[in-house]
Amino acid sequence: MQDAPYQVLLYYLYTDIENPEAYRDAHRSLCESLELRGRIIVGKEGINGTVSGTVENCNQYREAMLADPVTAAVEFKIDPEQGHVFPKLSVKAREEIVTLGLGEEDFSPNECTGNYLEPAEWKEAIKDPNAVIIDARNDYEWELGRFKNALRPPVPAFRDLPQWIRDNREEFEGKKILTYCTGGIRCEKFSGFLVKEGFEDVSQLHGGIVKYGKDPEAKGEDFDGQCYVFDERIGVPVNHVNPEVVAHCVNCGEPSERYVNCANKMCNAQHFCCEKCEEESLRCCCDACREVYTVKYSGVSK
């Protein structure tokens, strides 16, 4: 799809933004003028975004970002596409561009973060049997794809990672810790937290899974499944060496990377459902939801 008429840009940058609300308004105007769609979050600590648009408009957007002293150091991951992957544009100002929930202990990764590992370096580092590989994403992202031998902390959200680390500190003392996420923004902050907590050997995958999959040397090796993305694509391929499907249909158990939302709107849970099982399951994630859905849309009342 190298000649595709559209692009998807994924980026983030920890940088000082003095007035996030004013920056948000100006940035929204820029995106609207270029007819971009996507989600962008602005905060005092920086900017985080994914947008889609025509190749020409995305090029203009990148030029504008790189020409701005505030965002001149930003790095873009670029995917070719046939059209928009977002239904609309959303630009918001928030206290944090990623929420680690540290309150008064909050910090900027510009002040403290782990060692950067480029994809080729990461490819070798994860082969160390003594390394602890921590996935800094959410469950539904992990279920679609993850690095071999990675650990998914049993917590509901990113903001719960600090307490989990503190509660299980002895498991990581003296260990080589490697952490990763989709594009790098979460693990950059999480690795900084680990350093501030006193862990001495902490590294992160620079640019995240997305950059790893695009690297001509790493080629996504040893990443199983697909990388979850927060747009209409849902998942994108990563591994061009030894790919393996890790997700399974909740109905028949066969390998399937087809993520759908439960037809019971009161649930709406994302789950894996192969095309073969969708009609029988009514695209519901469980028997209870299927019963609710059937009653609601068959006109039968109890």
C-alpha atoms as a PDB file:
ATOM      1  CA  MET A   1       0.000   0.000   0.000  1.00  0.00           C
ATOM      2  CA  GLN A   2       2.974   2.318  -0.456  1.00  0.00           C
ATOM      3  CA  ASP A   3       1.054   4.314  -3.072  1.00  0.00           C
ATOM      4  CA  ALA A   4      -2.034   4.625  -0.853  1.00  0.00           C
ATOM      5  CA  PRO A   5      -3.639   8.090  -0.960  1.00  0.00           C
ATOM      6  CA  TYR A   6      -3.916   8.425   2.833  1.00  0.00           C
ATOM      7  CA  GLN A   7      -1.597   8.097   5.820  1.00  0.00           C
ATOM      8  CA  VAL A   8      -1.916   7.437   9.538  1.00  0.00           C
ATOM      9  CA  LEU A   9       0.514   9.350  11.759  1.00  0.00           C
ATOM     10  CA  LEU A  10       1.293   8.113  15.276  1.00  0.00           C
ATOM     11  CA  TYR A  11       3.443  10.330  17.484  1.00  0.00           C
ATOM     12  CA  TYR A  12       4.131  11.701  20.937  1.00  0.00           C
ATOM     13  CA  LEU A  13       6.589  14.077  22.522  1.00  0.00           C
ATOM     14  CA  TYR A  14       7.271  14.945  26.134  1.00  0.00           C
ATOM     15  CA  THR A  15       7.899  18.677  25.949  1.00  0.00           C
ATOM     16  CA  ASP A  16       6.969  21.744  27.981  1.00  0.00           C
ATOM     17  CA  ILE A  17       3.713  23.337  26.844  1.00  0.00           C
ATOM     18  CA  GLU A  18       3.058  26.420  28.943  1.00  0.00           C
ATOM     19  CA  ASN A  19      -0.618  26.894  28.098  1.00  0.00           C
ATOM     20  CA  PRO A  20      -2.193  23.559  27.013  1.00  0.00           C
ATOM     21  CA  GLU A  21      -5.654  25.073  26.415  1.00  0.00           C
ATOM     22  CA  ALA A  22      -4.350  27.748  24.033  1.00  0.00           C
ATOM     23  CA  TYR A  23      -2.108  25.219  22.301  1.00  0.00           C
ATOM     24  CA  ARG A  24      -5.076  22.846  21.964  1.00  0.00           C
ATOM     25  CA  ASP A  25      -7.183  25.502  20.255  1.00  0.00           C
ATOM     26  CA  ALA A  26      -4.442  26.471  17.815  1.00  0.00           C
ATOM     27  CA  HIS A  27      -3.652  22.843  17.092  1.00  0.00           C
ATOM     28  CA  ARG A  28      -7.286  22.007  16.466  1.00  0.00           C
ATOM     29  CA  SER A  29      -7.450  24.845  13.926  1.00  0.00           C
ATOM     30  CA  LEU A  30      -4.364  23.479  12.173  1.00  0.00           C
ATOM     31  CA  CYS A  31      -5.859  19.970  11.972  1.00  0.00           C
ATOM     32  CA  GLU A  32      -9.212  21.265  10.767  1.00  0.00           C
ATOM     33  CA  SER A  33      -7.549  23.307   8.029  1.00  0.00           C
ATOM     34  CA  LEU A  34      -5.849  20.112   6.822  1.00  0.00           C
ATOM     35  CA  GLU A  35      -9.028  18.024   7.172  1.00  0.00           C
ATOM     36  CA  LEU A  36      -7.304  15.599   9.531  1.00  0.00           C
ATOM     37  CA  ARG A  37      -9.178  13.216  11.789  1.00  0.00           C
ATOM     38  CA  GLY A  38      -7.962  11.494  14.930  1.00  0.00           C
ATOM     39  CA  ARG A  39      -7.306  11.864  18.639  1.00  0.00           C
ATOM     40  CA  ILE A  40      -4.814  14.311  20.128  1.00  0.00           C
ATOM     41  CA  ILE A  41      -4.117  15.001  23.804  1.00  0.00           C
ATOM     42  CA  VAL A  42      -2.208  18.074  24.950  1.00  0.00           C
ATOM     43  CA  GLY A  43      -0.856  18.716  28.431  1.00  0.00           C
ATOM     44  CA  LYS A  44       1.847  20.702  30.182  1.00  0.00           C
ATOM     45  CA  GLU A  45       4.123  17.660  29.829  1.00  0.00           C
ATOM     46  CA  GLY A  46       3.676  17.304  26.055  1.00  0.00           C
ATOM     47  CA  ILE A  47       1.502  16.040  23.214  1.00  0.00           C
ATOM     48  CA  ASN A  48       0.246  12.610  22.137  1.00  0.00           C
ATOM     49  CA  GLY A  49      -1.671  11.932  18.938  1.00  0.00           C
ATOM     50  CA  THR A  50      -2.794   9.708  16.097  1.00  0.00           C
ATOM     51  CA  VAL A  51      -4.283  11.312  13.000  1.00  0.00           C
ATOM     52  CA  SER A  52      -5.248  10.269   9.482  1.00  0.00           C
ATOM     53  CA  GLY A  53      -5.454  12.328   6.298  1.00  0.00           C
ATOM     54  CA  THR A  54      -4.344  12.528   2.711  1.00  0.00           C
ATOM     55  CA  VAL A  55      -0.632  12.124   2.036  1.00  0.00           C
ATOM     56  CA  GLU A  56      -0.352  15.804   1.055  1.00  0.00           C
ATOM     57  CA  ASN A  57      -2.144  17.036   4.165  1.00  0.00           C
ATOM     58  CA  CYS A  58      -0.195  14.705   6.464  1.00  0.00           C
ATOM     59  CA  ASN A  59       3.041  15.998   4.949  1.00  0.00           C
ATOM     60  CA  GLN A  60       1.949  19.570   5.656  1.00  0.00           C
ATOM     61  CA  TYR A  61       1.026  18.612   9.210  1.00  0.00           C
ATOM     62  CA  ARG A  62       4.429  17.027   9.831  1.00  0.00           C
ATOM     63  CA  GLU A  63       6.174  20.071   8.371  1.00  0.00           C
ATOM     64  CA  ALA A  64       4.205  22.358  10.689  1.00  0.00           C
ATOM     65  CA  MET A  65       5.037  20.225  13.746  1.00  0.00           C
ATOM     66  CA  LEU A  66       8.737  20.047  12.891  1.00  0.00           C
ATOM     67  CA  ALA A  67       8.880  23.796  12.245  1.00  0.00           C
ATOM     68  CA  ASP A  68       7.440  24.567  15.694  1.00  0.00           C
ATOM     69  CA  PRO A  69      10.233  24.830  18.326  1.00  0.00           C
ATOM     70  CA  VAL A  70       7.907  23.182  20.869  1.00  0.00           C
ATOM     71  CA  THR A  71       7.500  20.014  18.783  1.00  0.00           C
ATOM     72  CA  ALA A  72      10.600  20.078  16.560  1.00  0.00           C
ATOM     73  CA  ALA A  73      11.947  16.867  18.140  1.00  0.00           C
ATOM     74  CA  VAL A  74       8.826  14.795  17.471  1.00  0.00           C
ATOM     75  CA  GLU A  75       9.145  11.439  15.661  1.00  0.00           C
ATOM     76  CA  PHE A  76       6.354  10.122  13.446  1.00  0.00           C
ATOM     77  CA  LYS A  77       5.409   6.518  12.695  1.00  0.00           C
ATOM     78  CA  ILE A  78       3.703   6.495   9.303  1.00  0.00           C
ATOM     79  CA  ASP A  79       1.300   3.904   7.884  1.00  0.00           C
ATOM     80  CA  PRO A  80      -0.156   4.086   4.357  1.00  0.00           C
ATOM     81  CA  GLU A  81      -3.956   3.670   4.150  1.00  0.00           C
ATOM     82  CA  GLN A  82      -6.768   3.821   1.620  1.00  0.00           C
ATOM     83  CA  GLY A  83      -8.825   6.302   3.641  1.00  0.00           C
ATOM     84  CA  HIS A  84      -9.463   7.825   7.055  1.00  0.00           C
ATOM     85  CA  VAL A  85      -9.259   5.455  10.034  1.00  0.00           C
ATOM     86  CA  PHE A  86     -11.077   7.851  12.381  1.00  0.00           C
ATOM     87  CA  PRO A  87     -14.663   9.098  12.126  1.00  0.00           C
ATOM     88  CA  LYS A  88     -13.871  12.594  13.444  1.00  0.00           C
ATOM     89  CA  LEU A  89     -11.275  14.879  15.038  1.00  0.00           C
ATOM     90  CA  SER A  90     -10.821  15.172  18.804  1.00  0.00           C
ATOM     91  CA  VAL A  91      -8.242  17.504  20.381  1.00  0.00           C
ATOM     92  CA  LYS A  92      -8.283  17.727  24.188  1.00  0.00           C
ATOM     93  CA  ALA A  93      -6.241  19.347  26.941  1.00  0.00           C
ATOM     94  CA  ARG A  94      -5.591  17.252  30.060  1.00  0.00           C
ATOM     95  CA  GLU A  95      -3.431  17.318  33.159  1.00  0.00           C
ATOM     96  CA  GLU A  96      -1.324  14.405  31.857  1.00  0.00           C
ATOM     97  CA  ILE A  97      -0.943  13.030  28.350  1.00  0.00           C
ATOM     98  CA  VAL A  98      -0.716   9.572  29.939  1.00  0.00           C
ATOM     99  CA  THR A  99      -2.029   9.019  33.433  1.00  0.00           C
ATOM    100  CA  LEU A 100       0.233   7.140  35.823  1.00  0.00           C
ATOM    101  CA  GLY A 101      -1.734   8.371  38.840  1.00  0.00           C
ATOM    102  CA  LEU A 102       1.227   9.605  40.892  1.00  0.00           C
ATOM    103  CA  GLY A 103      -0.416  12.820  42.123  1.00  0.00           C
ATOM    104  CA  GLU A 104       2.151  15.060  43.786  1.00  0.00           C
ATOM    105  CA  GLU A 105       4.861  12.530  42.884  1.00  0.00           C
ATOM    106  CA  ASP A 106       4.248  13.054  39.159  1.00  0.00           C
ATOM    107  CA  PHE A 107       7.249  13.834  36.976  1.00  0.00           C
ATOM    108  CA  SER A 108       8.180  14.363  33.335  1.00  0.00           C
ATOM    109  CA  PRO A 109      10.174  11.694  31.481  1.00  0.00           C
ATOM    110  CA  ASN A 110      12.342  14.603  30.339  1.00  0.00           C
ATOM    111  CA  GLU A 111      13.604  14.610  33.936  1.00  0.00           C
ATOM    112  CA  CYS A 112      13.900  10.859  34.412  1.00  0.00           C
ATOM    113  CA  THR A 113      13.375   7.816  32.196  1.00  0.00           C
ATOM    114  CA  GLY A 114      14.893   4.422  31.437  1.00  0.00           C
ATOM    115  CA  ASN A 115      17.527   3.594  28.856  1.00  0.00           C
ATOM    116  CA  TYR A 116      16.358   3.737  25.246  1.00  0.00           C
ATOM    117  CA  LEU A 117      16.751   0.529  23.259  1.00  0.00           C
ATOM    118  CA  GLU A 118      16.408   0.821  19.510  1.00  0.00           C
ATOM    119  CA  PRO A 119      14.558  -2.066  17.832  1.00  0.00           C
ATOM    120  CA  ALA A 120      17.713  -4.038  16.927  1.00  0.00           C
ATOM    121  CA  GLU A 121      18.982  -3.678  20.494  1.00  0.00           C
ATOM    122  CA  TRP A 122      15.613  -4.706  21.912  1.00  0.00           C
ATOM    123  CA  LYS A 123      15.549  -7.774  19.659  1.00  0.00           C
ATOM    124  CA  GLU A 124      18.720  -9.008  21.369  1.00  0.00           C
ATOM    125  CA  ALA A 125      17.828  -7.836  24.877  1.00  0.00           C
ATOM    126  CA  ILE A 126      14.591  -9.853  25.073  1.00  0.00           C
ATOM    127  CA  LYS A 127      16.569 -13.050  24.420  1.00  0.00           C
ATOM    128  CA  ASP A 128      18.184 -12.728  27.864  1.00  0.00           C
ATOM    129  CA  PRO A 129      16.496 -15.415  30.030  1.00  0.00           C
ATOM    130  CA  ASN A 130      17.151 -13.349  33.146  1.00  0.00           C
ATOM    131  CA  ALA A 131      15.397 -10.227  31.849  1.00  0.00           C
ATOM    132  CA  VAL A 132      11.899  -9.311  33.030  1.00  0.00           C
ATOM    133  CA  ILE A 133       9.816  -8.011  30.103  1.00  0.00           C
ATOM    134  CA  ILE A 134       6.882  -5.903  31.332  1.00  0.00           C
ATOM    135  CA  ASP A 135       3.998  -4.983  29.039  1.00  0.00           C
ATOM    136  CA  ALA A 136       2.757  -1.507  30.006  1.00  0.00           C
ATOM    137  CA  ARG A 137      -0.528  -1.755  28.062  1.00  0.00           C
ATOM    138  CA  ASN A 138      -4.070  -2.859  28.894  1.00  0.00           C
ATOM    139  CA  ASP A 139      -5.501  -6.391  28.890  1.00  0.00           C
ATOM    140  CA  TYR A 140      -7.362  -6.068  25.597  1.00  0.00           C
ATOM    141  CA  GLU A 141      -4.170  -4.914  23.877  1.00  0.00           C
ATOM    142  CA  TRP A 142      -2.167  -7.764  25.387  1.00  0.00           C
ATOM    143  CA  GLU A 143      -4.738 -10.342  24.315  1.00  0.00           C
ATOM    144  CA  LEU A 144      -4.360  -9.392  20.638  1.00  0.00           C
ATOM    145  CA  GLY A 145      -0.555  -9.510  20.662  1.00  0.00           C
ATOM    146  CA  ARG A 146       2.560  -9.368  22.858  1.00  0.00           C
ATOM    147  CA  PHE A 147       6.249 -10.190  22.975  1.00  0.00           C
ATOM    148  CA  LYS A 148       7.238 -13.751  23.751  1.00  0.00           C
ATOM    149  CA  ASN A 149       7.849 -14.312  27.483  1.00  0.00           C
ATOM    150  CA  ALA A 150       6.429 -10.885  28.382  1.00  0.00           C
ATOM    151  CA  LEU A 151       4.676 -10.271  31.688  1.00  0.00           C
ATOM    152  CA  ARG A 152       1.290  -8.553  31.765  1.00  0.00           C
ATOM    153  CA  PRO A 153       0.752  -7.036  35.245  1.00  0.00           C
ATOM    154  CA  PRO A 154      -2.631  -8.136  36.687  1.00  0.00           C
ATOM    155  CA  VAL A 155      -3.971  -4.594  37.073  1.00  0.00           C
ATOM    156  CA  PRO A 156      -7.001  -2.866  35.469  1.00  0.00           C
ATOM    157  CA  ALA A 157      -5.198   0.149  34.015  1.00  0.00           C
ATOM    158  CA  PHE A 158      -1.893   1.903  33.418  1.00  0.00           C
ATOM    159  CA  ARG A 159      -2.399   4.111  36.465  1.00  0.00           C
ATOM    160  CA  ASP A 160      -2.347   1.016  38.704  1.00  0.00           C
ATOM    161  CA  LEU A 161       1.193  -0.015  37.721  1.00  0.00           C
ATOM    162  CA  PRO A 162       3.016   2.009  40.433  1.00  0.00           C
ATOM    163  CA  GLN A 163       1.179   0.324  43.296  1.00  0.00           C
ATOM    164  CA  TRP A 164       1.632  -3.103  41.706  1.00  0.00           C
ATOM    165  CA  ILE A 165       5.389  -2.518  41.463  1.00  0.00           C
ATOM    166  CA  ARG A 166       5.553  -1.355  45.079  1.00  0.00           C
ATOM    167  CA  ASP A 167       3.531  -4.353  46.258  1.00  0.00           C
ATOM    168  CA  ASN A 168       5.780  -6.789  44.368  1.00  0.00           C
ATOM    169  CA  ARG A 169       9.094  -5.012  44.592  1.00  0.00           C
ATOM    170  CA  GLU A 170      11.080  -8.047  45.759  1.00  0.00           C
ATOM    171  CA  GLU A 171      10.303  -9.858  42.480  1.00  0.00           C
ATOM    172  CA  PHE A 172      12.208  -7.230  40.485  1.00  0.00           C
ATOM    173  CA  GLU A 173      15.081  -6.305  42.795  1.00  0.00           C
ATOM    174  CA  GLY A 174      18.406  -6.731  41.007  1.00  0.00           C
ATOM    175  CA  LYS A 175      16.721  -7.761  37.750  1.00  0.00           C
ATOM    176  CA  LYS A 176      17.159  -6.393  34.250  1.00  0.00           C
ATOM    177  CA  ILE A 177      13.786  -4.793  33.501  1.00  0.00           C
ATOM    178  CA  LEU A 178      12.584  -4.225  29.930  1.00  0.00           C
ATOM    179  CA  THR A 179       9.296  -2.465  29.272  1.00  0.00           C
ATOM    180  CA  TYR A 180       7.301  -1.685  26.141  1.00  0.00           C
ATOM    181  CA  CYS A 181       3.992  -0.293  24.861  1.00  0.00           C
ATOM    182  CA  THR A 182       2.357   0.605  21.532  1.00  0.00           C
ATOM    183  CA  GLY A 183       4.279   3.721  20.484  1.00  0.00           C
ATOM    184  CA  GLY A 184       6.617   4.351  23.413  1.00  0.00           C
ATOM    185  CA  ILE A 185       4.757   7.002  25.383  1.00  0.00           C
ATOM    186  CA  ARG A 186       3.567   4.822  28.256  1.00  0.00           C
ATOM    187  CA  CYS A 187       6.778   2.842  28.755  1.00  0.00           C
ATOM    188  CA  GLU A 188       8.800   6.060  28.674  1.00  0.00           C
ATOM    189  CA  LYS A 189       6.928   7.289  31.731  1.00  0.00           C
ATOM    190  CA  PHE A 190       6.671   3.881  33.381  1.00  0.00           C
ATOM    191  CA  SER A 191      10.402   3.243  32.989  1.00  0.00           C
ATOM    192  CA  GLY A 192      11.058   6.654  34.536  1.00  0.00           C
ATOM    193  CA  PHE A 193       8.931   5.656  37.517  1.00  0.00           C
ATOM    194  CA  LEU A 194      10.971   2.455  37.901  1.00  0.00           C
ATOM    195  CA  VAL A 195      14.211   4.456  37.876  1.00  0.00           C
ATOM    196  CA  LYS A 196      12.826   6.867  40.478  1.00  0.00           C
ATOM    197  CA  GLU A 197      11.856   3.856  42.616  1.00  0.00           C
ATOM    198  CA  GLY A 198      15.510   2.813  42.709  1.00  0.00           C
ATOM    199  CA  PHE A 199      15.671   0.067  40.098  1.00  0.00           C
ATOM    200  CA  GLU A 200      19.076   0.330  38.425  1.00  0.00           C
ATOM    201  CA  ASP A 201      18.790  -1.656  35.182  1.00  0.00           C
ATOM    202  CA  VAL A 202      15.699  -0.339  33.367  1.00  0.00           C
ATOM    203  CA  SER A 203      15.289  -0.092  29.601  1.00  0.00           C
ATOM    204  CA  GLN A 204      12.423   0.636  27.207  1.00  0.00           C
ATOM    205  CA  LEU A 205      11.652  -0.112  23.575  1.00  0.00           C
ATOM    206  CA  HIS A 206      12.177   3.260  21.894  1.00  0.00           C
ATOM    207  CA  GLY A 207       9.239   3.970  19.589  1.00  0.00           C
ATOM    208  CA  GLY A 208       7.265   1.016  20.894  1.00  0.00           C
ATOM    209  CA  ILE A 209       5.853  -1.992  19.083  1.00  0.00           C
ATOM    210  CA  VAL A 210       4.937   0.064  16.015  1.00  0.00           C
ATOM    211  CA  LYS A 211       8.534   1.165  15.387  1.00  0.00           C
ATOM    212  CA  TYR A 212       9.784  -2.360  16.110  1.00  0.00           C
ATOM    213  CA  GLY A 213       7.551  -3.780  13.382  1.00  0.00           C
ATOM    214  CA  LYS A 214       8.803  -1.244  10.846  1.00  0.00           C
ATOM    215  CA  ASP A 215      12.508  -1.643  11.596  1.00  0.00           C
ATOM    216  CA  PRO A 216      14.330  -3.325   8.676  1.00  0.00           C
ATOM    217  CA  GLU A 217      16.634  -5.256  11.015  1.00  0.00           C
ATOM    218  CA  ALA A 218      14.247  -6.300  13.789  1.00  0.00           C
ATOM    219  CA  LYS A 219      11.320  -6.989  11.423  1.00  0.00           C
ATOM    220  CA  GLY A 220       8.994  -7.484  14.383  1.00  0.00           C
ATOM    221  CA  GLU A 221      10.692 -10.737  15.372  1.00  0.00           C
ATOM    222  CA  ASP A 222       9.313 -12.530  18.468  1.00  0.00           C
ATOM    223  CA  PHE A 223       6.183 -10.390  18.705  1.00  0.00           C
ATOM    224  CA  ASP A 224       3.210 -12.744  18.657  1.00  0.00           C
ATOM    225  CA  GLY A 225      -0.156 -11.646  17.266  1.00  0.00           C
ATOM    226  CA  GLN A 226      -0.987  -8.112  16.157  1.00  0.00           C
ATOM    227  CA  CYS A 227      -0.508  -4.694  17.723  1.00  0.00           C
ATOM    228  CA  TYR A 228      -3.730  -3.136  19.004  1.00  0.00           C
ATOM    229  CA  VAL A 229      -4.277   0.395  17.705  1.00  0.00           C
ATOM    230  CA  PHE A 230      -6.905   2.903  18.777  1.00  0.00           C
ATOM    231  CA  ASP A 231      -8.662   3.452  15.465  1.00  0.00           C
ATOM    232  CA  GLU A 232     -10.896   1.624  13.024  1.00  0.00           C
ATOM    233  CA  ARG A 233      -8.115  -0.799  12.048  1.00  0.00           C
ATOM    234  CA  ILE A 234      -8.059  -2.242  15.614  1.00  0.00           C
ATOM    235  CA  GLY A 235      -4.982  -4.354  14.888  1.00  0.00           C
ATOM    236  CA  VAL A 236      -1.913  -4.016  12.652  1.00  0.00           C
ATOM    237  CA  PRO A 237       0.674  -6.698  11.770  1.00  0.00           C
ATOM    238  CA  VAL A 238       4.105  -6.502  13.405  1.00  0.00           C
ATOM    239  CA  ASN A 239       6.065  -9.726  12.964  1.00  0.00           C
ATOM    240  CA  HIS A 240       7.552 -10.402   9.524  1.00  0.00           C
ATOM    241  CA  VAL A 241       9.822 -13.236  10.685  1.00  0.00           C
ATOM    242  CA  ASN A 242       8.054 -15.743  12.949  1.00  0.00           C
ATOM    243  CA  PRO A 243       4.429 -14.593  13.341  1.00  0.00           C
ATOM    244  CA  GLU A 244       1.999 -16.507  15.528  1.00  0.00           C
ATOM    245  CA  VAL A 245      -1.683 -15.906  16.303  1.00  0.00           C
ATOM    246  CA  VAL A 246      -2.244 -15.802  20.072  1.00  0.00           C
ATOM    247  CA  ALA A 247      -5.909 -14.735  20.215  1.00  0.00           C
ATOM    248  CA  HIS A 248      -8.771 -17.238  20.058  1.00  0.00           C
ATOM    249  CA  CYS A 249     -12.480 -17.066  19.295  1.00  0.00           C
ATOM    250  CA  VAL A 250     -14.418 -17.038  22.592  1.00  0.00           C
ATOM    251  CA  ASN A 251     -16.990 -19.397  21.076  1.00  0.00           C
ATOM    252  CA  CYS A 252     -15.095 -22.185  19.293  1.00  0.00           C
ATOM    253  CA  GLY A 253     -11.572 -21.601  20.599  1.00  0.00           C
ATOM    254  CA  GLU A 254     -10.008 -21.490  17.153  1.00  0.00           C
ATOM    255  CA  PRO A 255      -7.234 -18.944  16.482  1.00  0.00           C
ATOM    256  CA  SER A 256      -8.812 -15.617  15.539  1.00  0.00           C
ATOM    257  CA  GLU A 257      -7.662 -11.991  15.618  1.00  0.00           C
ATOM    258  CA  ARG A 258     -11.117 -10.680  14.716  1.00  0.00           C
ATOM    259  CA  TYR A 259     -12.021  -8.244  17.513  1.00  0.00           C
ATOM    260  CA  VAL A 260     -15.718  -7.249  17.717  1.00  0.00           C
ATOM    261  CA  ASN A 261     -17.924  -5.488  20.255  1.00  0.00           C
ATOM    262  CA  CYS A 262     -20.622  -7.410  22.091  1.00  0.00           C
ATOM    263  CA  ALA A 263     -24.024  -6.888  20.454  1.00  0.00           C
ATOM    264  CA  ASN A 264     -25.533  -6.409  23.911  1.00  0.00           C
ATOM    265  CA  LYS A 265     -25.074  -2.628  24.149  1.00  0.00           C
ATOM    266  CA  MET A 266     -25.241  -2.760  27.945  1.00  0.00           C
ATOM    267  CA  CYS A 267     -22.032  -4.815  27.787  1.00  0.00           C
ATOM    268  CA  ASN A 268     -20.295  -3.742  24.539  1.00  0.00           C
ATOM    269  CA  ALA A 269     -17.187  -5.701  25.572  1.00  0.00           C
ATOM    270  CA  GLN A 270     -14.563  -6.290  22.924  1.00  0.00           C
ATOM    271  CA  HIS A 271     -14.021  -9.991  22.277  1.00  0.00           C
ATOM    272  CA  PHE A 272     -12.601 -12.285  19.641  1.00  0.00           C
ATOM    273  CA  CYS A 273     -15.174 -13.908  17.382  1.00  0.00           C
ATOM    274  CA  CYS A 274     -14.444 -15.687  14.111  1.00  0.00           C
ATOM    275  CA  GLU A 275     -16.751 -15.124  11.159  1.00  0.00           C
ATOM    276  CA  LYS A 276     -18.009 -18.699  11.399  1.00  0.00           C
ATOM    277  CA  CYS A 277     -19.308 -18.182  14.946  1.00  0.00           C
ATOM    278  CA  GLU A 278     -20.715 -14.665  14.604  1.00  0.00           C
ATOM    279  CA  GLU A 279     -24.160 -15.673  13.357  1.00  0.00           C
ATOM    280  CA  GLU A 280     -24.676 -18.383  15.976  1.00  0.00           C
ATOM    281  CA  SER A 281     -23.366 -16.255  18.836  1.00  0.00           C
ATOM    282  CA  LEU A 282     -25.286 -13.178  17.623  1.00  0.00           C
ATOM    283  CA  ARG A 283     -21.929 -11.413  18.137  1.00  0.00           C
ATOM    284  CA  CYS A 284     -22.403 -11.650  21.912  1.00  0.00           C
ATOM    285  CA  CYS A 285     -19.463 -12.299  24.213  1.00  0.00           C
ATOM    286  CA  CYS A 286     -21.198 -14.842  26.499  1.00  0.00           C
ATOM    287  CA  ASP A 287     -24.430 -16.759  27.096  1.00  0.00           C
ATOM    288  CA  ALA A 288     -25.763 -14.121  29.501  1.00  0.00           C
ATOM    289  CA  CYS A 289     -25.344 -11.327  26.947  1.00  0.00           C
ATOM    290  CA  ARG A 290     -26.830 -13.496  24.227  1.00  0.00           C
ATOM    291  CA  GLU A 291     -29.940 -14.039  26.369  1.00  0.00           C
ATOM    292  CA  VAL A 292     -30.291 -10.293  27.041  1.00  0.00           C
ATOM    293  CA  TYR A 293     -29.804  -9.483  23.360  1.00  0.00           C
ATOM    294  CA  THR A 294     -32.318 -12.123  22.250  1.00  0.00           C
ATOM    295  CA  VAL A 295     -35.003 -10.877  24.653  1.00  0.00           C
ATOM    296  CA  LYS A 296     -34.412  -7.229  23.729  1.00  0.00           C
ATOM    297  CA  TYR A 297     -34.632  -7.711  19.979  1.00  0.00           C
ATOM    298  CA  SER A 298     -37.146 -10.578  19.744  1.00  0.00           C
ATOM    299  CA  GLY A 299     -39.818  -8.604  21.563  1.00  0.00           C
ATOM    300  CA  VAL A 300     -40.109 -11.303  24.239  1.00  0.00           C
ATOM    301  CA  SER A 301     -40.425 -10.024  27.795  1.00  0.00           C
ATOM    302  CA  LYS A 302     -40.066 -11.888  31.054  1.00  0.00           C
END
